[in-house]
Amino acid sequence: MATFKRFQALVGSPASSPSPETVYTVPTSKTSVVTGLTVANVSDFELPLDVFISVGGTDYYLAKDLRIGPGKQERLTGCEKMVLGADDAFKADAPTVDGGAVDTFVVWLSVYEDV
C-alpha cells in the first residue's frame, strides 16, 4: 500500500573532501514519487548547495551550486511528481564554513512511496 513519507537530513562537508548525504533511497522493487523538496541554509553565510539523484552510480543534478542566503529556505520546484525507481538515491551536499564540522543545510524531502 502506498504511503506518504517525509525524510530530512543535515548536510555539509568540507570542500576539500566532499561527502554527500543520502536523504532517501527508494526501497528495492519499489517506486516512489517526489511530492516536495525544501532546503534551508542554517549557517550565517550564503553558501552553495548540490541536490542530485544517483541512479546506478551516475549522478543527475537537480541543483548544482544553488546559492541560498543565510537563514533562508527555498522550495525547489520542478521536481514534484518526479518518479524515482528502485534503489535510486536522493542526495545533497554543501560546503561547511571554513572546513569545519558543522552542517550548513537542512534538506526536507516528501515522497509518496510504493506507488
PDB file of N, CA and C in Angstrom:
ATOM      1  N   MET A   1       0.836  -1.173   0.000  1.00  0.00           N
ATOM      2  CA  MET A   1       0.000   0.000   0.000  1.00  0.00           C
ATOM      3  C   MET A   1       0.890   1.247   0.000  1.00  0.00           C
ATOM      4  N   ALA A   2       0.581   2.180  -0.845  1.00  0.00           N
ATOM      5  CA  ALA A   2       1.361   3.407  -0.959  1.00  0.00           C
ATOM      6  C   ALA A   2       1.113   4.300   0.255  1.00  0.00           C
ATOM      7  N   THR A   3       2.173   4.999   0.679  1.00  0.00           N
ATOM      8  CA  THR A   3       2.080   5.897   1.822  1.00  0.00           C
ATOM      9  C   THR A   3       2.911   7.146   1.578  1.00  0.00           C
ATOM     10  N   PHE A   4       2.492   8.244   2.211  1.00  0.00           N
ATOM     11  CA  PHE A   4       3.275   9.471   2.177  1.00  0.00           C
ATOM     12  C   PHE A   4       4.321   9.399   3.278  1.00  0.00           C
ATOM     13  N   LYS A   5       5.548   9.803   2.960  1.00  0.00           N
ATOM     14  CA  LYS A   5       6.623   9.807   3.946  1.00  0.00           C
ATOM     15  C   LYS A   5       7.443  11.076   3.812  1.00  0.00           C
ATOM     16  N   ARG A   6       8.071  11.461   4.927  1.00  0.00           N
ATOM     17  CA  ARG A   6       8.913  12.649   4.959  1.00  0.00           C
ATOM     18  C   ARG A   6      10.301  12.220   5.429  1.00  0.00           C
ATOM     19  N   PHE A   7      11.310  12.783   4.799  1.00  0.00           N
ATOM     20  CA  PHE A   7      12.693  12.495   5.166  1.00  0.00           C
ATOM     21  C   PHE A   7      13.426  13.813   5.311  1.00  0.00           C
ATOM     22  N   GLN A   8      14.362  13.879   6.241  1.00  0.00           N
ATOM     23  CA  GLN A   8      15.167  15.081   6.405  1.00  0.00           C
ATOM     24  C   GLN A   8      16.597  14.671   6.697  1.00  0.00           C
ATOM     25  N   ALA A   9      17.511  15.563   6.329  1.00  0.00           N
ATOM     26  CA  ALA A   9      18.930  15.306   6.579  1.00  0.00           C
ATOM     27  C   ALA A   9      19.655  16.623   6.765  1.00  0.00           C
ATOM     28  N   LEU A  10      20.629  16.613   7.642  1.00  0.00           N
ATOM     29  CA  LEU A  10      21.565  17.723   7.779  1.00  0.00           C
ATOM     30  C   LEU A  10      22.708  17.443   6.824  1.00  0.00           C
ATOM     31  N   VAL A  11      23.079  18.434   6.020  1.00  0.00           N
ATOM     32  CA  VAL A  11      24.152  18.224   5.052  1.00  0.00           C
ATOM     33  C   VAL A  11      25.235  19.278   5.215  1.00  0.00           C
ATOM     34  N   GLY A  12      26.418  18.877   4.860  1.00  0.00           N
ATOM     35  CA  GLY A  12      27.569  19.760   4.907  1.00  0.00           C
ATOM     36  C   GLY A  12      28.825  18.927   5.070  1.00  0.00           C
ATOM     37  N   SER A  13      29.802  19.196   4.231  1.00  0.00           N
ATOM     38  CA  SER A  13      31.090  18.511   4.323  1.00  0.00           C
ATOM     39  C   SER A  13      32.174  19.465   3.836  1.00  0.00           C
ATOM     40  N   PRO A  14      33.404  19.280   4.300  1.00  0.00           N
ATOM     41  CA  PRO A  14      34.484  20.174   3.862  1.00  0.00           C
ATOM     42  C   PRO A  14      34.650  20.144   2.344  1.00  0.00           C
ATOM     43  N   ALA A  15      34.864  21.296   1.750  1.00  0.00           N
ATOM     44  CA  ALA A  15      35.034  21.378   0.294  1.00  0.00           C
ATOM     45  C   ALA A  15      36.226  20.556  -0.176  1.00  0.00           C
ATOM     46  N   SER A  16      37.209  20.374   0.701  1.00  0.00           N
ATOM     47  CA  SER A  16      38.397  19.606   0.329  1.00  0.00           C
ATOM     48  C   SER A  16      38.119  18.112   0.229  1.00  0.00           C
ATOM     49  N   SER A  17      37.051  17.646   0.878  1.00  0.00           N
ATOM     50  CA  SER A  17      36.680  16.225   0.789  1.00  0.00           C
ATOM     51  C   SER A  17      35.163  16.096   0.856  1.00  0.00           C
ATOM     52  N   PRO A  18      34.481  16.415  -0.262  1.00  0.00           N
ATOM     53  CA  PRO A  18      33.023  16.368  -0.282  1.00  0.00           C
ATOM     54  C   PRO A  18      32.496  14.973   0.070  1.00  0.00           C
ATOM     55  N   SER A  19      31.415  14.959   0.822  1.00  0.00           N
ATOM     56  CA  SER A  19      30.792  13.708   1.230  1.00  0.00           C
ATOM     57  C   SER A  19      29.278  13.896   1.240  1.00  0.00           C
ATOM     58  N   PRO A  20      28.627  13.695   0.088  1.00  0.00           N
ATOM     59  CA  PRO A  20      27.181  13.903   0.017  1.00  0.00           C
ATOM     60  C   PRO A  20      26.425  13.030   1.012  1.00  0.00           C
ATOM     61  N   GLU A  21      25.345  13.579   1.533  1.00  0.00           N
ATOM     62  CA  GLU A  21      24.482  12.875   2.472  1.00  0.00           C
ATOM     63  C   GLU A  21      23.315  12.264   1.698  1.00  0.00           C
ATOM     64  N   THR A  22      23.033  11.000   1.944  1.00  0.00           N
ATOM     65  CA  THR A  22      21.864  10.363   1.329  1.00  0.00           C
ATOM     66  C   THR A  22      20.640  10.730   2.154  1.00  0.00           C
ATOM     67  N   VAL A  23      19.709  11.433   1.508  1.00  0.00           N
ATOM     68  CA  VAL A  23      18.484  11.853   2.167  1.00  0.00           C
ATOM     69  C   VAL A  23      17.466  10.714   2.131  1.00  0.00           C
ATOM     70  N   TYR A  24      17.414   9.997   1.007  1.00  0.00           N
ATOM     71  CA  TYR A  24      16.420   8.934   0.827  1.00  0.00           C
ATOM     72  C   TYR A  24      16.882   7.984  -0.259  1.00  0.00           C
ATOM     73  N   THR A  25      16.666   6.692  -0.036  1.00  0.00           N
ATOM     74  CA  THR A  25      16.904   5.673  -1.052  1.00  0.00           C
ATOM     75  C   THR A  25      15.610   4.890  -1.246  1.00  0.00           C
ATOM     76  N   VAL A  26      15.189   4.753  -2.489  1.00  0.00           N
ATOM     77  CA  VAL A  26      13.971   4.014  -2.788  1.00  0.00           C
ATOM     78  C   VAL A  26      14.202   2.537  -2.460  1.00  0.00           C
ATOM     79  N   PRO A  27      13.267   1.922  -1.728  1.00  0.00           N
ATOM     80  CA  PRO A  27      13.423   0.504  -1.415  1.00  0.00           C
ATOM     81  C   PRO A  27      13.487  -0.350  -2.685  1.00  0.00           C
ATOM     82  N   THR A  28      14.203  -1.464  -2.584  1.00  0.00           N
ATOM     83  CA  THR A  28      14.315  -2.394  -3.703  1.00  0.00           C
ATOM     84  C   THR A  28      12.932  -2.851  -4.146  1.00  0.00           C
ATOM     85  N   SER A  29      12.734  -2.932  -5.429  1.00  0.00           N
ATOM     86  CA  SER A  29      11.491  -3.358  -6.087  1.00  0.00           C
ATOM     87  C   SER A  29      10.306  -2.437  -5.805  1.00  0.00           C
ATOM     88  N   LYS A  30      10.590  -1.180  -5.466  1.00  0.00           N
ATOM     89  CA  LYS A  30       9.528  -0.190  -5.235  1.00  0.00           C
ATOM     90  C   LYS A  30       9.727   0.995  -6.162  1.00  0.00           C
ATOM     91  N   THR A  31       8.721   1.835  -6.245  1.00  0.00           N
ATOM     92  CA  THR A  31       8.774   3.096  -6.981  1.00  0.00           C
ATOM     93  C   THR A  31       8.231   4.172  -6.064  1.00  0.00           C
ATOM     94  N   SER A  32       8.826   5.357  -6.102  1.00  0.00           N
ATOM     95  CA  SER A  32       8.361   6.466  -5.274  1.00  0.00           C
ATOM     96  C   SER A  32       8.205   7.710  -6.136  1.00  0.00           C
ATOM     97  N   VAL A  33       7.361   8.615  -5.683  1.00  0.00           N
ATOM     98  CA  VAL A  33       7.137   9.879  -6.377  1.00  0.00           C
ATOM     99  C   VAL A  33       7.464  11.016  -5.409  1.00  0.00           C
ATOM    100  N   VAL A  34       8.339  11.931  -5.830  1.00  0.00           N
ATOM    101  CA  VAL A  34       8.675  13.104  -5.026  1.00  0.00           C
ATOM    102  C   VAL A  34       7.473  14.042  -5.042  1.00  0.00           C
ATOM    103  N   THR A  35       7.041  14.477  -3.855  1.00  0.00           N
ATOM    104  CA  THR A  35       5.913  15.406  -3.780  1.00  0.00           C
ATOM    105  C   THR A  35       6.331  16.790  -3.292  1.00  0.00           C
ATOM    106  N   GLY A  36       7.559  16.921  -2.771  1.00  0.00           N
ATOM    107  CA  GLY A  36       8.030  18.224  -2.328  1.00  0.00           C
ATOM    108  C   GLY A  36       9.469  18.176  -1.868  1.00  0.00           C
ATOM    109  N   LEU A  37      10.168  19.295  -2.039  1.00  0.00           N
ATOM    110  CA  LEU A  37      11.559  19.407  -1.617  1.00  0.00           C
ATOM    111  C   LEU A  37      11.813  20.834  -1.141  1.00  0.00           C
ATOM    112  N   THR A  38      12.232  20.958   0.110  1.00  0.00           N
ATOM    113  CA  THR A  38      12.576  22.255   0.679  1.00  0.00           C
ATOM    114  C   THR A  38      13.964  22.161   1.287  1.00  0.00           C
ATOM    115  N   VAL A  39      14.773  23.189   1.071  1.00  0.00           N
ATOM    116  CA  VAL A  39      16.115  23.244   1.641  1.00  0.00           C
ATOM    117  C   VAL A  39      16.235  24.531   2.447  1.00  0.00           C
ATOM    118  N   ALA A  40      16.978  24.452   3.556  1.00  0.00           N
ATOM    119  CA  ALA A  40      17.164  25.624   4.413  1.00  0.00           C
ATOM    120  C   ALA A  40      18.632  25.771   4.769  1.00  0.00           C
ATOM    121  N   ASN A  41      19.140  26.981   4.593  1.00  0.00           N
ATOM    122  CA  ASN A  41      20.514  27.293   4.969  1.00  0.00           C
ATOM    123  C   ASN A  41      20.499  27.664   6.449  1.00  0.00           C
ATOM    124  N   VAL A  42      21.138  26.847   7.284  1.00  0.00           N
ATOM    125  CA  VAL A  42      21.142  27.089   8.724  1.00  0.00           C
ATOM    126  C   VAL A  42      22.455  27.724   9.190  1.00  0.00           C
ATOM    127  N   SER A  43      23.251  28.200   8.231  1.00  0.00           N
ATOM    128  CA  SER A  43      24.512  28.856   8.574  1.00  0.00           C
ATOM    129  C   SER A  43      24.325  30.377   8.557  1.00  0.00           C
ATOM    130  N   ASP A  44      25.392  31.077   8.869  1.00  0.00           N
ATOM    131  CA  ASP A  44      25.382  32.548   8.839  1.00  0.00           C
ATOM    132  C   ASP A  44      25.952  33.103   7.544  1.00  0.00           C
ATOM    133  N   PHE A  45      26.128  32.237   6.525  1.00  0.00           N
ATOM    134  CA  PHE A  45      26.767  32.644   5.281  1.00  0.00           C
ATOM    135  C   PHE A  45      25.972  32.159   4.074  1.00  0.00           C
ATOM    136  N   GLU A  46      26.053  32.906   2.964  1.00  0.00           N
ATOM    137  CA  GLU A  46      25.461  32.434   1.713  1.00  0.00           C
ATOM    138  C   GLU A  46      26.368  31.336   1.165  1.00  0.00           C
ATOM    139  N   LEU A  47      25.811  30.158   0.967  1.00  0.00           N
ATOM    140  CA  LEU A  47      26.604  29.009   0.543  1.00  0.00           C
ATOM    141  C   LEU A  47      25.911  28.274  -0.601  1.00  0.00           C
ATOM    142  N   PRO A  48      26.690  27.546  -1.412  1.00  0.00           N
ATOM    143  CA  PRO A  48      26.099  26.753  -2.494  1.00  0.00           C
ATOM    144  C   PRO A  48      25.633  25.391  -1.985  1.00  0.00           C
ATOM    145  N   LEU A  49      24.657  24.840  -2.683  1.00  0.00           N
ATOM    146  CA  LEU A  49      24.097  23.537  -2.347  1.00  0.00           C
ATOM    147  C   LEU A  49      23.949  22.712  -3.617  1.00  0.00           C
ATOM    148  N   ASP A  50      24.281  21.434  -3.527  1.00  0.00           N
ATOM    149  CA  ASP A  50      24.048  20.488  -4.628  1.00  0.00           C
ATOM    150  C   ASP A  50      22.974  19.506  -4.195  1.00  0.00           C
ATOM    151  N   VAL A  51      22.029  19.242  -5.084  1.00  0.00           N
ATOM    152  CA  VAL A  51      20.987  18.243  -4.853  1.00  0.00           C
ATOM    153  C   VAL A  51      20.949  17.374  -6.100  1.00  0.00           C
ATOM    154  N   PHE A  52      21.015  16.048  -5.911  1.00  0.00           N
ATOM    155  CA  PHE A  52      21.045  15.170  -7.073  1.00  0.00           C
ATOM    156  C   PHE A  52      20.471  13.796  -6.773  1.00  0.00           C
ATOM    157  N   ILE A  53      20.159  13.087  -7.850  1.00  0.00           N
ATOM    158  CA  ILE A  53      19.684  11.704  -7.777  1.00  0.00           C
ATOM    159  C   ILE A  53      20.801  10.828  -8.316  1.00  0.00           C
ATOM    160  N   SER A  54      21.138   9.789  -7.574  1.00  0.00           N
ATOM    161  CA  SER A  54      22.147   8.831  -8.021  1.00  0.00           C
ATOM    162  C   SER A  54      21.417   7.586  -8.523  1.00  0.00           C
ATOM    163  N   VAL A  55      21.599   7.304  -9.816  1.00  0.00           N
ATOM    164  CA  VAL A  55      20.939   6.170 -10.464  1.00  0.00           C
ATOM    165  C   VAL A  55      22.015   5.255 -11.027  1.00  0.00           C
ATOM    166  N   GLY A  56      22.153   4.095 -10.438  1.00  0.00           N
ATOM    167  CA  GLY A  56      23.139   3.134 -10.932  1.00  0.00           C
ATOM    168  C   GLY A  56      24.552   3.684 -10.972  1.00  0.00           C
ATOM    169  N   GLY A  57      24.910   4.531 -10.015  1.00  0.00           N
ATOM    170  CA  GLY A  57      26.259   5.081  -9.962  1.00  0.00           C
ATOM    171  C   GLY A  57      26.461   6.364 -10.749  1.00  0.00           C
ATOM    172  N   THR A  58      25.452   6.810 -11.479  1.00  0.00           N
ATOM    173  CA  THR A  58      25.524   8.070 -12.221  1.00  0.00           C
ATOM    174  C   THR A  58      24.712   9.129 -11.490  1.00  0.00           C
ATOM    175  N   ASP A  59      25.280  10.320 -11.310  1.00  0.00           N
ATOM    176  CA  ASP A  59      24.606  11.405 -10.608  1.00  0.00           C
ATOM    177  C   ASP A  59      23.926  12.345 -11.594  1.00  0.00           C
ATOM    178  N   TYR A  60      22.645  12.628 -11.317  1.00  0.00           N
ATOM    179  CA  TYR A  60      21.851  13.556 -12.127  1.00  0.00           C
ATOM    180  C   TYR A  60      21.450  14.725 -11.228  1.00  0.00           C
ATOM    181  N   TYR A  61      22.009  15.903 -11.513  1.00  0.00           N
ATOM    182  CA  TYR A  61      21.817  17.061 -10.651  1.00  0.00           C
ATOM    183  C   TYR A  61      20.478  17.742 -10.895  1.00  0.00           C
ATOM    184  N   LEU A  62      19.786  18.027  -9.802  1.00  0.00           N
ATOM    185  CA  LEU A  62      18.570  18.838  -9.836  1.00  0.00           C
ATOM    186  C   LEU A  62      18.928  20.292  -9.556  1.00  0.00           C
ATOM    187  N   ALA A  63      19.978  20.487  -8.764  1.00  0.00           N
ATOM    188  CA  ALA A  63      20.504  21.819  -8.466  1.00  0.00           C
ATOM    189  C   ALA A  63      22.003  21.667  -8.233  1.00  0.00           C
ATOM    190  N   LYS A  64      22.789  22.496  -8.890  1.00  0.00           N
ATOM    191  CA  LYS A  64      24.246  22.454  -8.742  1.00  0.00           C
ATOM    192  C   LYS A  64      24.712  23.863  -8.379  1.00  0.00           C
ATOM    193  N   ASP A  65      25.394  23.968  -7.253  1.00  0.00           N
ATOM    194  CA  ASP A  65      25.885  25.259  -6.756  1.00  0.00           C
ATOM    195  C   ASP A  65      24.766  26.288  -6.597  1.00  0.00           C
ATOM    196  N   LEU A  66      23.604  25.830  -6.148  1.00  0.00           N
ATOM    197  CA  LEU A  66      22.484  26.729  -5.879  1.00  0.00           C
ATOM    198  C   LEU A  66      22.807  27.542  -4.636  1.00  0.00           C
ATOM    199  N   ARG A  67      22.846  28.857  -4.764  1.00  0.00           N
ATOM    200  CA  ARG A  67      23.213  29.712  -3.639  1.00  0.00           C
ATOM    201  C   ARG A  67      21.956  30.156  -2.897  1.00  0.00           C
ATOM    202  N   ILE A  68      21.998  29.928  -1.587  1.00  0.00           N
ATOM    203  CA  ILE A  68      20.877  30.296  -0.724  1.00  0.00           C
ATOM    204  C   ILE A  68      21.446  31.110   0.439  1.00  0.00           C
ATOM    205  N   GLY A  69      20.823  32.230   0.724  1.00  0.00           N
ATOM    206  CA  GLY A  69      21.307  33.141   1.755  1.00  0.00           C
ATOM    207  C   GLY A  69      21.215  32.572   3.159  1.00  0.00           C
ATOM    208  N   PRO A  70      21.931  33.191   4.084  1.00  0.00           N
ATOM    209  CA  PRO A  70      21.931  32.721   5.464  1.00  0.00           C
ATOM    210  C   PRO A  70      20.540  32.775   6.089  1.00  0.00           C
ATOM    211  N   GLY A  71      20.166  31.693   6.742  1.00  0.00           N
ATOM    212  CA  GLY A  71      18.871  31.640   7.408  1.00  0.00           C
ATOM    213  C   GLY A  71      17.679  31.572   6.479  1.00  0.00           C
ATOM    214  N   LYS A  72      17.904  31.409   5.186  1.00  0.00           N
ATOM    215  CA  LYS A  72      16.811  31.380   4.208  1.00  0.00           C
ATOM    216  C   LYS A  72      16.452  29.934   3.856  1.00  0.00           C
ATOM    217  N   GLN A  73      15.229  29.760   3.435  1.00  0.00           N
ATOM    218  CA  GLN A  73      14.795  28.465   2.927  1.00  0.00           C
ATOM    219  C   GLN A  73      14.266  28.650   1.517  1.00  0.00           C
ATOM    220  N   GLU A  74      14.294  27.583   0.766  1.00  0.00           N
ATOM    221  CA  GLU A  74      13.794  27.637  -0.601  1.00  0.00           C
ATOM    222  C   GLU A  74      13.132  26.313  -0.937  1.00  0.00           C
ATOM    223  N   ARG A  75      11.972  26.419  -1.521  1.00  0.00           N
ATOM    224  CA  ARG A  75      11.274  25.236  -2.022  1.00  0.00           C
ATOM    225  C   ARG A  75      11.728  25.053  -3.458  1.00  0.00           C
ATOM    226  N   LEU A  76      12.307  23.897  -3.750  1.00  0.00           N
ATOM    227  CA  LEU A  76      12.787  23.652  -5.107  1.00  0.00           C
ATOM    228  C   LEU A  76      11.648  23.093  -5.933  1.00  0.00           C
ATOM    229  N   THR A  77      11.245  23.878  -6.913  1.00  0.00           N
ATOM    230  CA  THR A  77      10.147  23.457  -7.775  1.00  0.00           C
ATOM    231  C   THR A  77      10.717  22.739  -8.998  1.00  0.00           C
ATOM    232  N   GLY A  78       9.877  22.023  -9.664  1.00  0.00           N
ATOM    233  CA  GLY A  78      10.305  21.315 -10.862  1.00  0.00           C
ATOM    234  C   GLY A  78      10.583  19.846 -10.605  1.00  0.00           C
ATOM    235  N   CYS A  79      10.658  19.457  -9.338  1.00  0.00           N
ATOM    236  CA  CYS A  79      10.906  18.032  -9.078  1.00  0.00           C
ATOM    237  C   CYS A  79       9.657  17.351  -8.515  1.00  0.00           C
ATOM    238  N   GLU A  80       8.580  18.108  -8.322  1.00  0.00           N
ATOM    239  CA  GLU A  80       7.342  17.473  -7.891  1.00  0.00           C
ATOM    240  C   GLU A  80       6.880  16.499  -8.968  1.00  0.00           C
ATOM    241  N   LYS A  81       6.348  15.410  -8.525  1.00  0.00           N
ATOM    242  CA  LYS A  81       5.858  14.342  -9.393  1.00  0.00           C
ATOM    243  C   LYS A  81       6.973  13.616 -10.139  1.00  0.00           C
ATOM    244  N   MET A  82       8.216  13.817  -9.698  1.00  0.00           N
ATOM    245  CA  MET A  82       9.334  13.095 -10.298  1.00  0.00           C
ATOM    246  C   MET A  82       9.305  11.664  -9.766  1.00  0.00           C
ATOM    247  N   VAL A  83       9.358  10.716 -10.670  1.00  0.00           N
ATOM    248  CA  VAL A  83       9.312   9.305 -10.302  1.00  0.00           C
ATOM    249  C   VAL A  83      10.729   8.797 -10.070  1.00  0.00           C
ATOM    250  N   LEU A  84      10.922   8.135  -8.937  1.00  0.00           N
ATOM    251  CA  LEU A  84      12.194   7.514  -8.599  1.00  0.00           C
ATOM    252  C   LEU A  84      12.014   6.002  -8.631  1.00  0.00           C
ATOM    253  N   GLY A  85      12.975   5.311  -9.246  1.00  0.00           N
ATOM    254  CA  GLY A  85      12.900   3.862  -9.353  1.00  0.00           C
ATOM    255  C   GLY A  85      13.614   3.172  -8.205  1.00  0.00           C
ATOM    256  N   ALA A  86      13.491   1.859  -8.178  1.00  0.00           N
ATOM    257  CA  ALA A  86      14.104   1.037  -7.136  1.00  0.00           C
ATOM    258  C   ALA A  86      15.592   1.350  -7.000  1.00  0.00           C
ATOM    259  N   ASP A  87      16.041   1.539  -5.788  1.00  0.00           N
ATOM    260  CA  ASP A  87      17.439   1.787  -5.425  1.00  0.00           C
ATOM    261  C   ASP A  87      17.982   3.150  -5.851  1.00  0.00           C
ATOM    262  N   ASP A  88      17.154   4.028  -6.441  1.00  0.00           N
ATOM    263  CA  ASP A  88      17.609   5.391  -6.716  1.00  0.00           C
ATOM    264  C   ASP A  88      17.858   6.086  -5.372  1.00  0.00           C
ATOM    265  N   ALA A  89      18.917   6.881  -5.292  1.00  0.00           N
ATOM    266  CA  ALA A  89      19.249   7.575  -4.049  1.00  0.00           C
ATOM    267  C   ALA A  89      19.184   9.081  -4.256  1.00  0.00           C
ATOM    268  N   PHE A  90      18.472   9.754  -3.380  1.00  0.00           N
ATOM    269  CA  PHE A  90      18.339  11.201  -3.394  1.00  0.00           C
ATOM    270  C   PHE A  90      19.402  11.746  -2.441  1.00  0.00           C
ATOM    271  N   LYS A  91      20.326  12.577  -2.940  1.00  0.00           N
ATOM    272  CA  LYS A  91      21.465  13.041  -2.144  1.00  0.00           C
ATOM    273  C   LYS A  91      21.614  14.555  -2.199  1.00  0.00           C
ATOM    274  N   ALA A  92      22.334  15.091  -1.218  1.00  0.00           N
ATOM    275  CA  ALA A  92      22.615  16.525  -1.174  1.00  0.00           C
ATOM    276  C   ALA A  92      23.952  16.750  -0.485  1.00  0.00           C
ATOM    277  N   ASP A  93      24.585  17.876  -0.836  1.00  0.00           N
ATOM    278  CA  ASP A  93      25.830  18.266  -0.171  1.00  0.00           C
ATOM    279  C   ASP A  93      26.015  19.771  -0.291  1.00  0.00           C
ATOM    280  N   ALA A  94      26.723  20.312   0.670  1.00  0.00           N
ATOM    281  CA  ALA A  94      27.071  21.732   0.700  1.00  0.00           C
ATOM    282  C   ALA A  94      28.367  21.857   1.475  1.00  0.00           C
ATOM    283  N   PRO A  95      29.145  22.902   1.192  1.00  0.00           N
ATOM    284  CA  PRO A  95      30.395  23.062   1.948  1.00  0.00           C
ATOM    285  C   PRO A  95      30.117  23.525   3.370  1.00  0.00           C
ATOM    286  N   THR A  96      30.978  23.120   4.270  1.00  0.00           N
ATOM    287  CA  THR A  96      30.917  23.650   5.623  1.00  0.00           C
ATOM    288  C   THR A  96      31.684  24.966   5.657  1.00  0.00           C
ATOM    289  N   VAL A  97      31.476  25.732   6.690  1.00  0.00           N
ATOM    290  CA  VAL A  97      32.144  27.025   6.825  1.00  0.00           C
ATOM    291  C   VAL A  97      33.575  26.790   7.308  1.00  0.00           C
ATOM    292  N   ASP A  98      34.531  27.284   6.556  1.00  0.00           N
ATOM    293  CA  ASP A  98      35.955  27.146   6.889  1.00  0.00           C
ATOM    294  C   ASP A  98      36.384  25.703   7.106  1.00  0.00           C
ATOM    295  N   GLY A  99      35.716  24.761   6.416  1.00  0.00           N
ATOM    296  CA  GLY A  99      36.087  23.359   6.538  1.00  0.00           C
ATOM    297  C   GLY A  99      35.734  22.748   7.874  1.00  0.00           C
ATOM    298  N   GLY A 100      34.901  23.433   8.664  1.00  0.00           N
ATOM    299  CA  GLY A 100      34.509  22.934   9.980  1.00  0.00           C
ATOM    300  C   GLY A 100      33.566  21.741   9.893  1.00  0.00           C
ATOM    301  N   ALA A 101      33.134  21.261  11.017  1.00  0.00           N
ATOM    302  CA  ALA A 101      32.306  20.064  11.081  1.00  0.00           C
ATOM    303  C   ALA A 101      30.816  20.363  11.185  1.00  0.00           C
ATOM    304  N   VAL A 102      30.429  21.618  11.190  1.00  0.00           N
ATOM    305  CA  VAL A 102      29.026  21.974  11.378  1.00  0.00           C
ATOM    306  C   VAL A 102      28.265  21.885  10.057  1.00  0.00           C
ATOM    307  N   ASP A 103      27.137  21.153  10.065  1.00  0.00           N
ATOM    308  CA  ASP A 103      26.296  21.059   8.870  1.00  0.00           C
ATOM    309  C   ASP A 103      25.710  22.424   8.549  1.00  0.00           C
ATOM    310  N   THR A 104      25.563  22.697   7.243  1.00  0.00           N
ATOM    311  CA  THR A 104      25.145  24.032   6.838  1.00  0.00           C
ATOM    312  C   THR A 104      23.738  24.102   6.233  1.00  0.00           C
ATOM    313  N   PHE A 105      23.168  22.971   5.873  1.00  0.00           N
ATOM    314  CA  PHE A 105      21.827  22.950   5.291  1.00  0.00           C
ATOM    315  C   PHE A 105      20.985  21.833   5.894  1.00  0.00           C
ATOM    316  N   VAL A 106      19.679  22.055   5.893  1.00  0.00           N
ATOM    317  CA  VAL A 106      18.717  21.008   6.205  1.00  0.00           C
ATOM    318  C   VAL A 106      17.921  20.771   4.930  1.00  0.00           C
ATOM    319  N   VAL A 107      17.763  19.516   4.563  1.00  0.00           N
ATOM    320  CA  VAL A 107      17.003  19.136   3.370  1.00  0.00           C
ATOM    321  C   VAL A 107      15.778  18.359   3.822  1.00  0.00           C
ATOM    322  N   TRP A 108      14.599  18.797   3.363  1.00  0.00           N
ATOM    323  CA  TRP A 108      13.327  18.125   3.671  1.00  0.00           C
ATOM    324  C   TRP A 108      12.758  17.582   2.370  1.00  0.00           C
ATOM    325  N   LEU A 109      12.510  16.293   2.338  1.00  0.00           N
ATOM    326  CA  LEU A 109      12.003  15.630   1.144  1.00  0.00           C
ATOM    327  C   LEU A 109      10.717  14.904   1.494  1.00  0.00           C
ATOM    328  N   SER A 110       9.679  15.115   0.688  1.00  0.00           N
ATOM    329  CA  SER A 110       8.419  14.389   0.861  1.00  0.00           C
ATOM    330  C   SER A 110       8.232  13.481  -0.343  1.00  0.00           C
ATOM    331  N   VAL A 111       7.850  12.224  -0.071  1.00  0.00           N
ATOM    332  CA  VAL A 111       7.644  11.260  -1.153  1.00  0.00           C
ATOM    333  C   VAL A 111       6.370  10.473  -0.920  1.00  0.00           C
ATOM    334  N   TYR A 112       5.833   9.985  -2.013  1.00  0.00           N
ATOM    335  CA  TYR A 112       4.722   9.036  -1.991  1.00  0.00           C
ATOM    336  C   TYR A 112       5.362   7.714  -2.378  1.00  0.00           C
ATOM    337  N   GLU A 113       5.498   6.825  -1.389  1.00  0.00           N
ATOM    338  CA  GLU A 113       6.311   5.613  -1.565  1.00  0.00           C
ATOM    339  C   GLU A 113       5.454   4.402  -1.880  1.00  0.00           C
ATOM    340  N   ASP A 114       6.035   3.523  -2.702  1.00  0.00           N
ATOM    341  CA  ASP A 114       5.420   2.251  -3.066  1.00  0.00           C
ATOM    342  C   ASP A 114       4.178   2.457  -3.932  1.00  0.00           C
ATOM    343  N   VAL A 115       4.363   3.257  -4.976  1.00  0.00           N
ATOM    344  CA  VAL A 115       3.239   3.522  -5.883  1.00  0.00           C
ATOM    345  C   VAL A 115       3.263   2.581  -7.076  1.00  0.00           C
TER     346      VAL A 115
END
